[in-house]
Amino acid sequence: MIEIIIVSIISLIFIALCGIILSGKGDNLIAGYKTATERERQQYDIKRLRFVVALMCLLPPLLVCWIPFLTENILIVMFIPILCFILIYSGILIINSWCKKK
């Protein structure tokens, strides 16, 4: 029971972080965006960037936290790190393609 409470608290933290980023108050939390020059920042569509970063902050942690509780299939649990790697790598590719202004 204590495990579910801890996982719920961690999930709420990541959901709050996602909300902060989506609201526009957490642009400084986006890696590299705070240190970028104004010219470099203008290369990206900030709304798309916030959306992708928020998804990257939300999906992998929730997968890692909740899938072990929702299934007893060990094969699914073993593929969680691979799935998280794929999600994060896909997010990086999307940031470098879809989020850049043309």
N, C-alpha and C. Protein backbone atom coordinates (compact mmCIF):
# COMPACT_ATOMS: atom_id res chain seq x y z
N MET A 1 0.81 -1.20 0.00
CA MET A 1 0.00 0.00 0.00
C MET A 1 0.86 1.27 0.00
N ILE A 2 1.95 1.25 0.75
CA ILE A 2 2.82 2.42 0.81
C ILE A 2 3.47 2.68 -0.54
N GLU A 3 3.71 1.60 -1.32
CA GLU A 3 4.30 1.78 -2.65
C GLU A 3 3.39 2.58 -3.56
N ILE A 4 2.10 2.31 -3.50
CA ILE A 4 1.14 3.02 -4.34
C ILE A 4 1.06 4.49 -3.93
N ILE A 5 1.16 4.78 -2.65
CA ILE A 5 1.14 6.17 -2.20
C ILE A 5 2.37 6.90 -2.70
N ILE A 6 3.54 6.27 -2.61
CA ILE A 6 4.77 6.89 -3.08
C ILE A 6 4.72 7.13 -4.58
N VAL A 7 4.26 6.13 -5.33
CA VAL A 7 4.15 6.26 -6.79
C VAL A 7 3.14 7.35 -7.15
N SER A 8 2.08 7.46 -6.39
CA SER A 8 1.08 8.51 -6.64
C SER A 8 1.67 9.90 -6.41
N ILE A 9 2.46 10.05 -5.37
CA ILE A 9 3.10 11.34 -5.10
C ILE A 9 4.08 11.69 -6.22
N ILE A 10 4.89 10.73 -6.65
CA ILE A 10 5.83 10.96 -7.74
C ILE A 10 5.07 11.32 -9.01
N SER A 11 3.98 10.63 -9.28
CA SER A 11 3.18 10.92 -10.47
C SER A 11 2.60 12.32 -10.41
N LEU A 12 2.13 12.74 -9.25
CA LEU A 12 1.58 14.09 -9.10
C LEU A 12 2.65 15.16 -9.31
N ILE A 13 3.87 14.88 -8.88
CA ILE A 13 4.96 15.83 -9.11
C ILE A 13 5.22 16.00 -10.59
N PHE A 14 5.25 14.88 -11.33
CA PHE A 14 5.49 14.97 -12.77
C PHE A 14 4.31 15.60 -13.51
N ILE A 15 3.11 15.36 -13.05
CA ILE A 15 1.93 16.00 -13.66
C ILE A 15 1.98 17.51 -13.41
N ALA A 16 2.38 17.92 -12.21
CA ALA A 16 2.52 19.35 -11.92
C ALA A 16 3.62 19.98 -12.78
N LEU A 17 4.73 19.28 -12.93
CA LEU A 17 5.81 19.77 -13.79
C LEU A 17 5.33 19.93 -15.23
N CYS A 18 4.56 18.98 -15.70
CA CYS A 18 3.99 19.05 -17.04
C CYS A 18 3.08 20.27 -17.17
N GLY A 19 2.26 20.52 -16.17
CA GLY A 19 1.37 21.68 -16.18
C GLY A 19 2.14 23.00 -16.16
N ILE A 20 3.22 23.05 -15.40
CA ILE A 20 4.05 24.26 -15.36
C ILE A 20 4.66 24.54 -16.72
N ILE A 21 5.16 23.50 -17.37
CA ILE A 21 5.77 23.68 -18.68
C ILE A 21 4.73 24.09 -19.71
N LEU A 22 3.57 23.44 -19.70
CA LEU A 22 2.53 23.77 -20.68
C LEU A 22 1.96 25.18 -20.48
N SER A 23 1.96 25.67 -19.26
CA SER A 23 1.42 27.00 -19.01
C SER A 23 2.36 28.11 -19.45
N GLY A 24 3.61 27.78 -19.74
CA GLY A 24 4.57 28.78 -20.17
C GLY A 24 5.41 29.34 -19.04
N LYS A 25 5.17 28.89 -17.84
CA LYS A 25 5.94 29.38 -16.69
C LYS A 25 7.25 28.62 -16.51
N GLY A 26 7.41 27.50 -17.21
CA GLY A 26 8.59 26.67 -17.01
C GLY A 26 9.54 26.62 -18.19
N ASP A 27 9.59 27.69 -18.97
CA ASP A 27 10.50 27.69 -20.12
C ASP A 27 11.95 27.56 -19.68
N ASN A 28 12.28 28.03 -18.49
CA ASN A 28 13.65 27.91 -17.99
C ASN A 28 13.98 26.47 -17.58
N LEU A 29 12.98 25.63 -17.46
CA LEU A 29 13.22 24.23 -17.12
C LEU A 29 13.55 23.38 -18.35
N ILE A 30 13.35 23.93 -19.53
CA ILE A 30 13.64 23.20 -20.77
C ILE A 30 15.14 23.24 -20.99
N ALA A 31 15.74 22.07 -21.10
CA ALA A 31 17.19 21.97 -21.23
C ALA A 31 17.69 22.72 -22.45
N GLY A 32 18.64 23.62 -22.23
CA GLY A 32 19.26 24.36 -23.31
C GLY A 32 18.51 25.61 -23.73
N TYR A 33 17.26 25.72 -23.37
CA TYR A 33 16.47 26.88 -23.80
C TYR A 33 16.85 28.13 -23.01
N LYS A 34 17.14 27.96 -21.74
CA LYS A 34 17.49 29.10 -20.89
C LYS A 34 18.83 29.69 -21.31
N THR A 35 19.77 28.85 -21.69
CA THR A 35 21.11 29.32 -22.03
C THR A 35 21.25 29.71 -23.50
N ALA A 36 20.21 29.47 -24.29
CA ALA A 36 20.27 29.80 -25.71
C ALA A 36 20.18 31.31 -25.91
N THR A 37 20.81 31.77 -26.98
CA THR A 37 20.70 33.19 -27.31
C THR A 37 19.32 33.46 -27.88
N GLU A 38 18.97 34.73 -27.96
CA GLU A 38 17.66 35.10 -28.50
C GLU A 38 17.50 34.61 -29.94
N ARG A 39 18.57 34.68 -30.68
CA ARG A 39 18.53 34.20 -32.08
C ARG A 39 18.26 32.70 -32.16
N GLU A 40 18.90 31.94 -31.27
CA GLU A 40 18.67 30.49 -31.23
C GLU A 40 17.25 30.16 -30.77
N ARG A 41 16.72 30.95 -29.85
CA ARG A 41 15.36 30.72 -29.36
C ARG A 41 14.32 30.96 -30.45
N GLN A 42 14.60 31.91 -31.33
CA GLN A 42 13.66 32.23 -32.40
C GLN A 42 13.57 31.13 -33.45
N GLN A 43 14.48 30.17 -33.41
CA GLN A 43 14.45 29.07 -34.37
C GLN A 43 13.40 28.03 -34.02
N TYR A 44 12.87 28.08 -32.81
CA TYR A 44 11.93 27.07 -32.34
C TYR A 44 10.54 27.66 -32.12
N ASP A 45 9.52 26.86 -32.41
CA ASP A 45 8.15 27.21 -32.09
C ASP A 45 7.93 26.82 -30.63
N ILE A 46 7.83 27.82 -29.76
CA ILE A 46 7.81 27.57 -28.32
C ILE A 46 6.60 26.76 -27.89
N LYS A 47 5.46 26.93 -28.54
CA LYS A 47 4.28 26.16 -28.14
C LYS A 47 4.46 24.68 -28.43
N ARG A 48 5.02 24.38 -29.59
CA ARG A 48 5.28 22.98 -29.92
C ARG A 48 6.36 22.40 -29.00
N LEU A 49 7.38 23.21 -28.73
CA LEU A 49 8.46 22.76 -27.86
C LEU A 49 7.94 22.45 -26.46
N ARG A 50 7.08 23.32 -25.94
CA ARG A 50 6.48 23.06 -24.62
C ARG A 50 5.68 21.77 -24.61
N PHE A 51 4.90 21.56 -25.68
CA PHE A 51 4.06 20.36 -25.76
C PHE A 51 4.91 19.09 -25.76
N VAL A 52 5.95 19.07 -26.58
CA VAL A 52 6.79 17.86 -26.68
C VAL A 52 7.56 17.63 -25.38
N VAL A 53 8.10 18.68 -24.80
CA VAL A 53 8.85 18.52 -23.55
C VAL A 53 7.92 18.08 -22.43
N ALA A 54 6.71 18.60 -22.40
CA ALA A 54 5.75 18.18 -21.38
C ALA A 54 5.41 16.69 -21.53
N LEU A 55 5.24 16.24 -22.76
CA LEU A 55 4.98 14.81 -22.97
C LEU A 55 6.18 13.97 -22.54
N MET A 56 7.38 14.47 -22.83
CA MET A 56 8.58 13.73 -22.43
C MET A 56 8.74 13.71 -20.92
N CYS A 57 8.24 14.73 -20.23
CA CYS A 57 8.29 14.75 -18.77
C CYS A 57 7.20 13.90 -18.15
N LEU A 58 6.17 13.60 -18.91
CA LEU A 58 5.02 12.90 -18.36
C LEU A 58 5.03 11.40 -18.65
N LEU A 59 5.21 11.03 -19.91
CA LEU A 59 5.04 9.63 -20.29
C LEU A 59 6.08 8.67 -19.70
N PRO A 60 7.38 8.87 -19.87
CA PRO A 60 8.32 7.87 -19.31
C PRO A 60 8.21 7.68 -17.80
N PRO A 61 8.13 8.75 -16.99
CA PRO A 61 8.00 8.50 -15.55
C PRO A 61 6.72 7.76 -15.17
N LEU A 62 5.61 8.09 -15.84
CA LEU A 62 4.37 7.40 -15.52
C LEU A 62 4.43 5.94 -15.94
N LEU A 63 5.08 5.67 -17.07
CA LEU A 63 5.24 4.27 -17.49
C LEU A 63 6.06 3.49 -16.47
N VAL A 64 7.17 4.08 -16.06
CA VAL A 64 8.05 3.41 -15.09
C VAL A 64 7.34 3.20 -13.77
N CYS A 65 6.52 4.16 -13.37
CA CYS A 65 5.86 4.07 -12.06
C CYS A 65 4.67 3.12 -12.06
N TRP A 66 3.82 3.17 -13.08
CA TRP A 66 2.54 2.49 -12.99
C TRP A 66 2.46 1.14 -13.68
N ILE A 67 3.21 0.90 -14.73
CA ILE A 67 3.08 -0.38 -15.43
C ILE A 67 3.41 -1.58 -14.52
N PRO A 68 4.44 -1.51 -13.68
CA PRO A 68 4.67 -2.67 -12.80
C PRO A 68 3.50 -2.98 -11.86
N PHE A 69 2.73 -1.97 -11.49
CA PHE A 69 1.58 -2.20 -10.62
C PHE A 69 0.37 -2.73 -11.39
N LEU A 70 0.30 -2.39 -12.67
CA LEU A 70 -0.88 -2.74 -13.46
C LEU A 70 -0.78 -4.10 -14.14
N THR A 71 0.41 -4.65 -14.22
CA THR A 71 0.56 -5.95 -14.87
C THR A 71 1.49 -6.84 -14.07
N GLU A 72 1.28 -8.12 -14.21
CA GLU A 72 2.17 -9.07 -13.57
C GLU A 72 3.03 -9.80 -14.60
N ASN A 73 2.89 -9.41 -15.86
CA ASN A 73 3.67 -10.01 -16.93
C ASN A 73 5.09 -9.47 -16.88
N ILE A 74 6.05 -10.32 -16.59
CA ILE A 74 7.43 -9.88 -16.41
C ILE A 74 8.05 -9.39 -17.72
N LEU A 75 7.59 -9.91 -18.85
CA LEU A 75 8.14 -9.45 -20.14
C LEU A 75 7.79 -7.99 -20.40
N ILE A 76 6.58 -7.60 -20.07
CA ILE A 76 6.19 -6.20 -20.24
C ILE A 76 7.01 -5.31 -19.33
N VAL A 77 7.21 -5.72 -18.10
CA VAL A 77 7.99 -4.94 -17.15
C VAL A 77 9.44 -4.83 -17.60
N MET A 78 9.97 -5.87 -18.22
CA MET A 78 11.36 -5.83 -18.69
C MET A 78 11.55 -4.88 -19.86
N PHE A 79 10.51 -4.62 -20.63
CA PHE A 79 10.63 -3.75 -21.79
C PHE A 79 10.36 -2.28 -21.47
N ILE A 80 10.08 -1.95 -20.23
CA ILE A 80 9.83 -0.56 -19.85
C ILE A 80 11.04 0.33 -20.14
N PRO A 81 12.27 -0.06 -19.76
CA PRO A 81 13.41 0.82 -20.08
C PRO A 81 13.60 1.03 -21.58
N ILE A 82 13.37 0.00 -22.36
CA ILE A 82 13.49 0.13 -23.82
C ILE A 82 12.42 1.07 -24.35
N LEU A 83 11.22 0.94 -23.85
CA LEU A 83 10.13 1.82 -24.27
C LEU A 83 10.41 3.26 -23.88
N CYS A 84 10.94 3.48 -22.69
CA CYS A 84 11.28 4.84 -22.26
C CYS A 84 12.39 5.42 -23.13
N PHE A 85 13.39 4.61 -23.47
CA PHE A 85 14.46 5.08 -24.35
C PHE A 85 13.89 5.48 -25.71
N ILE A 86 13.00 4.68 -26.24
CA ILE A 86 12.38 4.98 -27.53
C ILE A 86 11.58 6.27 -27.45
N LEU A 87 10.81 6.46 -26.37
CA LEU A 87 10.02 7.69 -26.21
C LEU A 87 10.91 8.92 -26.10
N ILE A 88 11.97 8.84 -25.33
CA ILE A 88 12.86 9.99 -25.16
C ILE A 88 13.60 10.29 -26.46
N TYR A 89 14.10 9.27 -27.14
CA TYR A 89 14.80 9.47 -28.40
C TYR A 89 13.85 10.04 -29.45
N SER A 90 12.63 9.55 -29.49
CA SER A 90 11.63 10.08 -30.42
C SER A 90 11.33 11.54 -30.10
N GLY A 91 11.25 11.88 -28.83
CA GLY A 91 11.02 13.26 -28.43
C GLY A 91 12.13 14.18 -28.89
N ILE A 92 13.37 13.72 -28.78
CA ILE A 92 14.50 14.52 -29.25
C ILE A 92 14.43 14.73 -30.75
N LEU A 93 14.08 13.68 -31.49
CA LEU A 93 13.94 13.82 -32.94
C LEU A 93 12.80 14.77 -33.30
N ILE A 94 11.70 14.69 -32.58
CA ILE A 94 10.57 15.57 -32.85
C ILE A 94 10.93 17.03 -32.55
N ILE A 95 11.69 17.26 -31.46
CA ILE A 95 12.12 18.62 -31.12
C ILE A 95 12.98 19.19 -32.24
N ASN A 96 13.86 18.36 -32.78
CA ASN A 96 14.76 18.85 -33.83
C ASN A 96 14.13 18.93 -35.20
N SER A 97 12.93 18.42 -35.36
CA SER A 97 12.28 18.51 -36.67
C SER A 97 10.96 19.29 -36.58
N TRP A 98 10.00 18.81 -35.85
CA TRP A 98 8.66 19.40 -35.82
C TRP A 98 8.64 20.74 -35.07
N CYS A 99 9.48 20.89 -34.06
CA CYS A 99 9.45 22.11 -33.26
C CYS A 99 10.26 23.25 -33.86
N LYS A 100 11.10 22.97 -34.84
CA LYS A 100 11.89 24.03 -35.47
C LYS A 100 11.02 24.77 -36.47
N LYS A 101 11.18 26.09 -36.47
CA LYS A 101 10.47 26.90 -37.45
C LYS A 101 11.15 26.72 -38.80
N LYS A 102 10.35 26.77 -39.82
CA LYS A 102 10.89 26.56 -41.15
C LYS A 102 11.17 27.87 -41.82
